[in-house]
N, C-alpha and C. Protein backbone atom coordinates (compact mmCIF):
# COMPACT_ATOMS: atom_id res chain seq x y z
N MET A 1 31.34 13.18 61.83
CA MET A 1 30.66 12.18 62.11
C MET A 1 29.41 12.32 60.98
N ASP A 2 29.16 11.05 60.13
CA ASP A 2 28.07 11.18 59.10
C ASP A 2 26.67 10.57 59.59
N ALA A 3 25.59 11.13 60.26
CA ALA A 3 24.62 10.61 61.07
C ALA A 3 23.35 10.31 60.25
N ASP A 4 22.86 9.51 59.92
CA ASP A 4 21.58 9.37 59.11
C ASP A 4 20.73 8.58 60.42
N ILE A 5 19.58 10.12 60.44
CA ILE A 5 18.50 9.36 61.47
C ILE A 5 17.19 9.21 60.74
N ARG A 6 16.51 7.85 61.04
CA ARG A 6 15.09 7.74 60.45
C ARG A 6 14.26 7.40 61.52
N ILE A 7 13.12 7.66 61.74
CA ILE A 7 12.17 7.43 62.45
C ILE A 7 10.91 6.64 61.99
N LEU A 8 10.71 5.72 61.95
CA LEU A 8 9.79 4.66 61.70
C LEU A 8 8.51 4.52 62.51
N SER A 9 7.45 5.21 62.14
CA SER A 9 6.04 4.88 62.63
C SER A 9 5.69 5.87 63.99
N THR A 10 6.66 6.92 63.93
CA THR A 10 6.41 8.10 64.74
C THR A 10 6.36 9.29 64.04
N ASP A 11 5.95 10.53 64.33
CA ASP A 11 6.77 12.05 63.59
C ASP A 11 7.99 12.32 64.64
N LEU A 12 8.84 12.55 63.39
CA LEU A 12 10.17 13.25 63.85
C LEU A 12 10.02 14.63 63.88
N THR A 13 10.18 15.36 64.98
CA THR A 13 10.34 16.36 65.50
C THR A 13 11.99 16.96 65.63
N GLU A 14 11.91 18.19 65.40
CA GLU A 14 13.22 18.89 65.61
C GLU A 14 13.98 18.70 66.48
N ALA A 15 13.06 18.74 68.42
CA ALA A 15 13.68 18.72 69.21
C ALA A 15 14.21 17.32 69.35
N LEU A 16 13.48 15.96 68.67
CA LEU A 16 14.11 14.42 68.82
C LEU A 16 15.18 14.39 67.98
N GLN A 17 15.03 15.20 67.02
CA GLN A 17 16.53 15.02 65.96
C GLN A 17 17.72 15.48 66.29
N SER A 18 17.41 16.76 67.10
CA SER A 18 18.49 17.39 68.15
C SER A 18 19.07 16.65 68.84
N TYR A 19 18.19 16.21 69.52
CA TYR A 19 18.37 15.17 71.17
C TYR A 19 19.29 13.97 70.45
N ILE A 20 18.91 13.19 69.46
CA ILE A 20 19.67 12.19 69.17
C ILE A 20 21.13 12.48 68.43
N GLU A 21 21.35 13.95 67.99
CA GLU A 21 22.43 13.92 67.46
C GLU A 21 23.29 14.42 68.51
N ARG A 22 22.99 15.16 69.76
CA ARG A 22 23.46 15.50 70.70
C ARG A 22 24.12 14.21 71.65
N ARG A 23 22.95 13.43 71.82
CA ARG A 23 23.50 12.28 72.61
C ARG A 23 24.61 11.53 71.87
N LEU A 24 24.35 11.50 70.29
CA LEU A 24 25.43 10.72 69.74
C LEU A 24 27.04 11.46 69.87
N HIS A 25 26.78 12.74 69.53
CA HIS A 25 27.87 13.45 69.54
C HIS A 25 28.84 13.36 71.04
N PHE A 26 28.03 13.20 72.21
CA PHE A 26 28.52 13.15 73.53
C PHE A 26 28.97 11.62 73.39
N SER A 27 28.33 10.56 73.21
CA SER A 27 28.62 9.29 73.05
C SER A 27 29.94 9.10 72.22
N LEU A 28 29.81 9.39 70.77
CA LEU A 28 31.00 9.08 69.91
C LEU A 28 31.82 9.99 69.43
N GLY A 29 31.80 11.21 69.97
CA GLY A 29 32.35 12.43 69.61
C GLY A 29 34.23 12.35 69.80
N ARG A 30 34.07 11.81 71.24
CA ARG A 30 35.80 11.71 71.46
C ARG A 30 36.58 10.95 70.58
N PHE A 31 36.05 9.82 69.61
CA PHE A 31 36.78 9.20 68.99
C PHE A 31 36.91 9.63 67.66
N GLY A 32 36.28 10.83 67.52
CA GLY A 32 36.85 11.73 66.42
C GLY A 32 36.64 11.30 65.00
N GLY A 33 37.82 11.11 64.22
CA GLY A 33 37.88 10.26 62.82
C GLY A 33 37.96 8.83 63.00
N ARG A 34 37.69 8.09 63.67
CA ARG A 34 37.60 6.61 64.06
C ARG A 34 36.22 6.35 63.97
N VAL A 35 35.34 7.28 63.81
CA VAL A 35 33.45 6.97 63.81
C VAL A 35 33.12 6.99 62.08
N GLY A 36 33.04 6.40 61.60
CA GLY A 36 32.31 6.64 60.09
C GLY A 36 31.30 6.79 59.89
N ARG A 37 30.26 6.46 59.04
CA ARG A 37 28.85 6.40 59.12
C ARG A 37 27.66 5.87 60.29
N VAL A 38 27.00 6.49 60.85
CA VAL A 38 26.08 6.28 61.99
C VAL A 38 24.62 6.15 61.45
N ARG A 39 24.37 5.16 61.86
CA ARG A 39 22.72 5.37 61.37
C ARG A 39 21.86 4.79 62.83
N VAL A 40 20.51 5.58 62.78
CA VAL A 40 19.96 5.43 63.94
C VAL A 40 18.34 5.12 63.55
N ARG A 41 17.67 3.93 63.83
CA ARG A 41 16.26 3.82 63.37
C ARG A 41 15.59 4.00 64.36
N ILE A 42 14.70 4.78 64.89
CA ILE A 42 13.59 4.38 65.69
C ILE A 42 12.33 4.25 65.32
N THR A 43 11.91 3.34 66.09
CA THR A 43 10.69 2.41 65.82
C THR A 43 9.56 2.48 66.78
N ASP A 44 8.44 2.47 66.23
CA ASP A 44 6.90 2.38 67.47
C ASP A 44 6.36 0.93 67.24
N VAL A 45 6.71 0.11 67.57
CA VAL A 45 6.13 -1.45 67.66
C VAL A 45 4.91 -1.65 67.39
N ASN A 46 4.06 -0.94 68.54
CA ASN A 46 2.66 -1.17 68.84
C ASN A 46 2.29 0.27 68.45
N GLY A 47 2.44 0.83 67.89
CA GLY A 47 1.72 2.22 67.41
C GLY A 47 1.21 2.82 68.50
N PRO A 48 0.18 3.29 68.47
CA PRO A 48 -0.50 4.17 69.42
C PRO A 48 -1.14 3.28 70.66
N ARG A 49 -1.16 2.00 70.67
CA ARG A 49 -1.35 1.24 72.03
C ARG A 49 -0.59 1.49 72.87
N GLY A 50 0.57 2.04 73.00
CA GLY A 50 1.54 2.42 74.06
C GLY A 50 2.28 0.94 74.39
N GLY A 51 2.86 1.17 75.81
CA GLY A 51 3.93 0.06 75.98
C GLY A 51 5.38 0.11 75.77
N PRO A 52 5.99 -0.79 76.31
CA PRO A 52 7.43 -0.55 76.44
C PRO A 52 7.91 -1.09 75.35
N ASP A 53 7.43 -0.58 73.96
CA ASP A 53 7.92 -0.93 72.45
C ASP A 53 8.54 0.13 71.69
N LYS A 54 8.78 1.49 72.32
CA LYS A 54 9.50 2.25 71.27
C LYS A 54 11.03 1.94 71.27
N SER A 55 11.55 1.73 70.08
CA SER A 55 12.96 1.00 69.91
C SER A 55 13.83 1.70 68.94
N CYS A 56 15.10 1.96 69.64
CA CYS A 56 16.04 2.77 69.23
C CYS A 56 17.31 1.63 68.45
N HIS A 57 17.63 1.73 67.27
CA HIS A 57 18.63 0.91 66.62
C HIS A 57 19.70 1.65 66.15
N ILE A 58 21.13 1.33 66.61
CA ILE A 58 22.22 2.17 66.34
C ILE A 58 23.13 1.20 65.41
N SER A 59 23.85 1.72 64.35
CA SER A 59 24.74 0.90 64.07
C SER A 59 25.97 2.06 63.31
N ALA A 60 27.07 2.10 63.61
CA ALA A 60 28.14 2.79 63.55
C ALA A 60 29.57 1.93 63.05
N GLU A 61 29.78 2.45 62.00
CA GLU A 61 31.13 2.23 61.44
C GLU A 61 32.54 2.44 62.08
N LEU A 62 33.29 1.62 62.27
CA LEU A 62 34.73 1.73 63.18
C LEU A 62 35.43 1.93 61.77
N LEU A 63 36.23 3.03 61.71
CA LEU A 63 37.20 3.31 60.76
C LEU A 63 38.95 2.99 61.39
N PRO A 64 39.83 2.70 60.43
CA PRO A 64 39.71 2.31 58.66
C PRO A 64 39.49 0.77 58.53
N SER A 65 38.90 0.18 59.49
CA SER A 65 38.29 -1.17 59.52
C SER A 65 37.38 -1.49 58.88
N GLY A 66 36.43 -0.57 58.96
CA GLY A 66 35.27 -1.10 58.17
C GLY A 66 34.06 -1.82 59.29
N MET A 67 34.63 -2.10 60.39
CA MET A 67 33.89 -3.15 61.28
C MET A 67 32.46 -2.23 61.36
N THR A 68 31.15 -2.60 61.66
CA THR A 68 30.04 -2.44 62.21
C THR A 68 29.87 -2.84 63.40
N LEU A 69 29.45 -1.92 64.47
CA LEU A 69 29.33 -2.04 65.51
C LEU A 69 27.53 -1.78 65.71
N LEU A 70 26.91 -2.73 66.52
CA LEU A 70 25.66 -2.42 66.59
C LEU A 70 24.94 -2.60 68.13
N GLN A 71 24.12 -1.56 68.23
CA GLN A 71 23.32 -1.68 69.70
C GLN A 71 21.77 -1.33 69.82
N GLN A 72 21.49 -1.83 70.20
CA GLN A 72 19.63 -1.57 70.11
C GLN A 72 19.02 -1.36 71.76
N ALA A 73 17.99 -0.71 71.72
CA ALA A 73 17.22 -0.69 73.15
C ALA A 73 15.97 -0.19 73.00
N ALA A 74 15.30 -1.10 73.98
CA ALA A 74 13.80 -0.63 73.98
C ALA A 74 12.99 -0.35 75.31
N ASP A 75 12.36 0.81 75.22
CA ASP A 75 11.45 1.09 76.60
C ASP A 75 10.36 2.05 75.89
N ALA A 76 9.19 1.78 77.00
CA ALA A 76 8.43 2.82 76.92
C ALA A 76 8.63 4.11 76.44
N ASN A 77 9.66 4.99 76.97
CA ASN A 77 9.81 6.20 77.10
C ASN A 77 11.02 6.32 75.59
N LEU A 78 10.79 6.80 74.66
CA LEU A 78 11.09 6.79 73.66
C LEU A 78 12.89 7.62 73.91
N TYR A 79 12.90 8.86 74.75
CA TYR A 79 14.10 9.27 75.09
C TYR A 79 15.07 8.39 75.96
N THR A 80 14.42 7.52 76.77
CA THR A 80 15.13 6.48 77.86
C THR A 80 15.78 5.65 76.80
N ALA A 81 15.20 4.97 75.70
CA ALA A 81 16.01 4.34 75.05
C ALA A 81 16.98 4.56 74.16
N ILE A 82 16.68 5.97 73.45
CA ILE A 82 17.89 6.52 72.88
C ILE A 82 18.99 6.55 73.70
N GLY A 83 18.60 6.94 74.98
CA GLY A 83 20.00 7.38 75.71
C GLY A 83 20.42 5.88 76.15
N GLN A 84 20.23 4.84 76.09
CA GLN A 84 20.36 3.78 76.69
C GLN A 84 21.18 3.45 75.11
N ALA A 85 20.65 3.59 74.21
CA ALA A 85 21.32 2.89 73.00
C ALA A 85 22.74 3.72 72.44
N THR A 86 22.59 4.96 72.61
CA THR A 86 23.75 5.93 72.38
C THR A 86 24.86 5.68 73.43
N GLU A 87 24.47 5.31 74.96
CA GLU A 87 25.73 4.92 76.19
C GLU A 87 26.07 3.63 75.41
N GLY A 88 25.51 2.61 75.01
CA GLY A 88 25.63 1.47 74.75
C GLY A 88 26.68 1.31 73.31
N ILE A 89 26.36 2.11 72.28
CA ILE A 89 27.09 2.43 71.31
C ILE A 89 28.69 3.11 71.82
N GLY A 90 28.51 3.91 72.54
CA GLY A 90 29.91 4.51 73.05
C GLY A 90 30.73 3.53 73.79
N ARG A 91 30.28 2.52 74.72
CA ARG A 91 30.75 1.74 75.46
C ARG A 91 31.12 0.66 74.39
N SER A 92 30.64 0.37 73.24
CA SER A 92 31.00 -0.43 72.52
C SER A 92 32.33 -0.45 71.66
N PHE A 93 32.09 1.08 71.07
CA PHE A 93 33.09 1.60 70.43
C PHE A 93 34.15 1.86 71.23
N SER A 94 34.38 1.61 72.44
CA SER A 94 35.19 1.89 73.22
C SER A 94 35.86 0.61 73.67
N ARG A 95 35.48 -0.53 73.86
CA ARG A 95 35.91 -1.81 74.03
C ARG A 95 36.55 -2.27 72.25
N ALA A 96 36.05 -2.03 71.57
CA ALA A 96 36.56 -2.23 70.05
C ALA A 96 37.98 -2.15 69.80
N LEU A 97 37.99 -0.58 70.27
CA LEU A 97 39.17 0.00 69.89
C LEU A 97 40.20 -0.53 70.86
N GLY A 98 39.93 -0.65 72.20
CA GLY A 98 40.60 -1.35 73.14
C GLY A 98 41.06 -2.62 72.62
N ARG A 99 40.21 -3.30 72.06
CA ARG A 99 40.83 -4.83 71.28
C ARG A 99 41.73 -4.85 70.48
N ASN A 100 41.64 -3.66 69.65
CA ASN A 100 42.25 -3.30 68.91
C ASN A 100 43.57 -2.69 68.80
N ARG A 101 43.80 -2.41 69.78
CA ARG A 101 45.04 -1.61 70.48
C ARG A 101 45.82 -3.11 71.45
N GLU A 102 45.38 -4.00 71.76
CA GLU A 102 45.58 -4.91 72.50
C GLU A 102 45.78 -5.81 71.49
N ARG A 103 45.51 -6.26 70.50
CA ARG A 103 46.20 -7.11 69.17
C ARG A 103 47.06 -6.55 68.26
N LYS A 104 47.36 -4.97 68.53
CA LYS A 104 48.60 -4.20 67.95
C LYS A 104 49.56 -4.53 68.51
N ARG A 105 49.71 -4.60 70.49
CA ARG A 105 50.60 -4.89 71.10
C ARG A 105 51.17 -5.82 70.93
N LYS A 106 50.13 -7.27 71.12
CA LYS A 106 50.62 -8.29 70.92
C LYS A 106 51.57 -8.54 69.72
N ARG A 107 51.16 -8.19 68.49
CA ARG A 107 51.89 -8.31 67.06
C ARG A 107 53.47 -7.33 67.35
N GLU A 108 53.28 -6.19 67.87
CA GLU A 108 54.60 -5.76 68.30
C GLU A 108 55.61 -6.48 68.95
N THR A 109 55.10 -7.11 70.10
CA THR A 109 55.56 -7.40 70.73
C THR A 109 56.59 -9.01 70.42
N VAL A 110 55.79 -9.67 69.94
CA VAL A 110 55.92 -10.83 69.00
C VAL A 110 57.46 -10.46 68.36
N ARG A 111 56.91 -9.26 67.68
CA ARG A 111 58.04 -9.04 66.49
C ARG A 111 59.71 -8.52 67.16
N PHE A 112 59.30 -7.85 68.08
CA PHE A 112 60.48 -7.33 68.93
C PHE A 112 61.30 -8.42 69.84
N SER A 113 60.23 -9.62 70.10
CA SER A 113 61.26 -10.64 70.49
C SER A 113 61.82 -11.28 69.62
N ARG A 114 61.33 -11.70 68.53
CA ARG A 114 61.72 -12.45 67.49
C ARG A 114 63.09 -11.64 66.90
N GLN A 115 63.22 -10.35 66.90
CA GLN A 115 63.96 -9.73 66.33
C GLN A 115 65.49 -9.65 67.52
N ARG A 116 65.21 -9.74 68.43
CA ARG A 116 66.65 -9.54 69.62
C ARG A 116 66.47 -11.18 69.64
N GLN A 117 66.08 -11.87 69.17
CA GLN A 117 66.68 -13.35 69.42
C GLN A 117 67.49 -13.76 68.13
N SER A 118 67.50 -13.04 67.32
CA SER A 118 68.04 -13.47 65.73
C SER A 118 69.27 -12.75 66.11
C-alpha cells in the first residue's frame, strides 16, 4: 500500500503519522494487492480557535479498475476523525469489491445460460 500522508495547518508528529499508518493497515490491509495509492489529508479548519473542525480526508484507489474511493470525517478530536475516516474507507472498499463480484457473477450466469440454450 502506497500511502501519502499530508497534514495541513497542524504539526505532523511521528506518533500521529504512525497512528494513521496503523489505522490504514488495519482497515485496508486485508485487501492486499487490490489497494493502490492511498492519500490522507488532515486539516484544522479553524486553527487555534478549536471546535469540531479537524478533518480527515482519505482517497484510495481500487485496483485494477483504478476507481477512487473517498471518505471524510470531522471531529474536535483529531484521532477520532482519523478513526472514523479509516473505518469508513474500509467499509467503502469492501462494498466496492462486493459490487464488482456481483457484476462478475451476473455476467457469468448470463453467459452460461446462453451457452446451454444454444
